[in-house]
Amino acid sequence: ANLPESWGSQQVKEWLIESAPKSPEIGECFHFGTGLWGHVVPLGMEFAGFEAEDFYRQIIVSIRTVDTELNAMIKLDLS
């Protein structure tokens, strides 16, 4: 039988909490599951008129899909 959908969400939340840095710094990134990354940013940074405050932080999650075209990737030379 199929598992309840909420179980998957709960598992991802647990991975995120377990993998998050203990003292998160703004700009820090961490991997917490296959194709899942957490990015520590100032709270409210996505809103218009945002003014940076260093005190509150949030974690934004990015997901790399499984259909990533690896042959289409480019290399950046930052030197």
C-alpha atoms as a PDB file:
ATOM      1  CA  ALA A   1       0.000   0.000   0.000  1.00  0.00           C
ATOM      2  CA  ASN A   2       1.041   3.619  -0.428  1.00  0.00           C
ATOM      3  CA  LEU A   3       2.532   5.446   2.519  1.00  0.00           C
ATOM      4  CA  PRO A   4       0.867   8.642   3.773  1.00  0.00           C
ATOM      5  CA  GLU A   5       2.211  11.712   1.933  1.00  0.00           C
ATOM      6  CA  SER A   6       2.933  13.475   5.247  1.00  0.00           C
ATOM      7  CA  TRP A   7       5.549  10.814   6.104  1.00  0.00           C
ATOM      8  CA  GLY A   8       7.771  12.000   3.245  1.00  0.00           C
ATOM      9  CA  SER A   9       7.472  15.630   4.332  1.00  0.00           C
ATOM     10  CA  GLN A  10       8.256  14.704   7.919  1.00  0.00           C
ATOM     11  CA  GLN A  11      11.378  12.769   6.845  1.00  0.00           C
ATOM     12  CA  VAL A  12      12.694  15.748   4.831  1.00  0.00           C
ATOM     13  CA  LYS A  13      12.097  18.063   7.834  1.00  0.00           C
ATOM     14  CA  GLU A  14      14.030  15.663  10.082  1.00  0.00           C
ATOM     15  CA  TRP A  15      16.961  15.507   7.624  1.00  0.00           C
ATOM     16  CA  LEU A  16      16.985  19.318   7.450  1.00  0.00           C
ATOM     17  CA  ILE A  17      16.983  19.737  11.240  1.00  0.00           C
ATOM     18  CA  GLU A  18      19.654  17.049  11.749  1.00  0.00           C
ATOM     19  CA  SER A  19      21.960  18.519   9.077  1.00  0.00           C
ATOM     20  CA  ALA A  20      21.520  22.227   9.795  1.00  0.00           C
ATOM     21  CA  PRO A  21      24.568  23.946  11.298  1.00  0.00           C
ATOM     22  CA  LYS A  22      24.357  24.439  15.060  1.00  0.00           C
ATOM     23  CA  SER A  23      25.268  28.138  14.732  1.00  0.00           C
ATOM     24  CA  PRO A  24      24.166  29.039  11.192  1.00  0.00           C
ATOM     25  CA  GLU A  25      25.953  31.927   9.526  1.00  0.00           C
ATOM     26  CA  ILE A  26      24.408  33.951   6.698  1.00  0.00           C
ATOM     27  CA  GLY A  27      25.725  32.675   3.379  1.00  0.00           C
ATOM     28  CA  GLU A  28      26.362  29.151   4.656  1.00  0.00           C
ATOM     29  CA  CYS A  29      25.075  26.203   2.567  1.00  0.00           C
ATOM     30  CA  PHE A  30      24.695  22.561   3.542  1.00  0.00           C
ATOM     31  CA  HIS A  31      23.585  19.318   1.907  1.00  0.00           C
ATOM     32  CA  PHE A  32      20.852  17.368   3.710  1.00  0.00           C
ATOM     33  CA  GLY A  33      19.576  14.784   1.229  1.00  0.00           C
ATOM     34  CA  THR A  34      19.875  13.648  -2.364  1.00  0.00           C
ATOM     35  CA  GLY A  35      19.519  16.808  -4.430  1.00  0.00           C
ATOM     36  CA  LEU A  36      18.536  18.863  -1.344  1.00  0.00           C
ATOM     37  CA  TRP A  37      20.490  21.901  -0.151  1.00  0.00           C
ATOM     38  CA  GLY A  38      19.851  24.411   2.606  1.00  0.00           C
ATOM     39  CA  HIS A  39      20.981  28.046   2.300  1.00  0.00           C
ATOM     40  CA  VAL A  40      21.155  30.301   5.368  1.00  0.00           C
ATOM     41  CA  VAL A  41      19.876  33.797   4.540  1.00  0.00           C
ATOM     42  CA  PRO A  42      18.592  36.807   6.501  1.00  0.00           C
ATOM     43  CA  LEU A  43      14.937  36.509   7.490  1.00  0.00           C
ATOM     44  CA  GLY A  44      12.746  38.445   5.051  1.00  0.00           C
ATOM     45  CA  MET A  45      15.343  38.812   2.289  1.00  0.00           C
ATOM     46  CA  GLU A  46      12.789  37.784  -0.363  1.00  0.00           C
ATOM     47  CA  PHE A  47      10.517  40.786   0.331  1.00  0.00           C
ATOM     48  CA  ALA A  48      10.680  44.125  -1.500  1.00  0.00           C
ATOM     49  CA  GLY A  49      12.251  46.856   0.595  1.00  0.00           C
ATOM     50  CA  PHE A  50      14.145  44.353   2.723  1.00  0.00           C
ATOM     51  CA  GLU A  51      16.732  45.850   5.055  1.00  0.00           C
ATOM     52  CA  ALA A  52      19.398  43.403   6.208  1.00  0.00           C
ATOM     53  CA  GLU A  53      19.314  42.425   9.853  1.00  0.00           C
ATOM     54  CA  ASP A  54      21.949  40.004  10.974  1.00  0.00           C
ATOM     55  CA  PHE A  55      20.004  38.702  13.978  1.00  0.00           C
ATOM     56  CA  TYR A  56      17.232  36.584  12.425  1.00  0.00           C
ATOM     57  CA  ARG A  57      17.987  33.863   9.883  1.00  0.00           C
ATOM     58  CA  GLN A  58      15.966  31.488   7.750  1.00  0.00           C
ATOM     59  CA  ILE A  59      16.858  28.472   5.658  1.00  0.00           C
ATOM     60  CA  ILE A  60      15.836  28.398   2.020  1.00  0.00           C
ATOM     61  CA  VAL A  61      15.814  24.966   0.382  1.00  0.00           C
ATOM     62  CA  SER A  62      16.916  24.324  -3.186  1.00  0.00           C
ATOM     63  CA  ILE A  63      16.195  21.083  -5.015  1.00  0.00           C
ATOM     64  CA  ARG A  64      18.230  19.709  -7.892  1.00  0.00           C
ATOM     65  CA  THR A  65      15.940  17.660 -10.087  1.00  0.00           C
ATOM     66  CA  VAL A  66      16.983  14.237 -11.277  1.00  0.00           C
ATOM     67  CA  ASP A  67      16.738  15.261 -14.922  1.00  0.00           C
ATOM     68  CA  THR A  68      19.704  17.648 -14.716  1.00  0.00           C
ATOM     69  CA  GLU A  69      21.464  17.698 -18.101  1.00  0.00           C
ATOM     70  CA  LEU A  70      25.087  17.212 -17.046  1.00  0.00           C
ATOM     71  CA  ASN A  71      26.359  17.649 -20.633  1.00  0.00           C
ATOM     72  CA  ALA A  72      24.840  21.152 -20.750  1.00  0.00           C
ATOM     73  CA  MET A  73      26.705  22.399 -17.673  1.00  0.00           C
ATOM     74  CA  ILE A  74      29.377  25.064 -18.030  1.00  0.00           C
ATOM     75  CA  LYS A  75      32.518  25.698 -16.030  1.00  0.00           C
ATOM     76  CA  LEU A  76      33.153  29.169 -14.637  1.00  0.00           C
ATOM     77  CA  ASP A  77      36.767  30.286 -14.422  1.00  0.00           C
ATOM     78  CA  LEU A  78      36.889  32.842 -11.627  1.00  0.00           C
ATOM     79  CA  SER A  79      40.636  33.446 -11.754  1.00  0.00           C
END
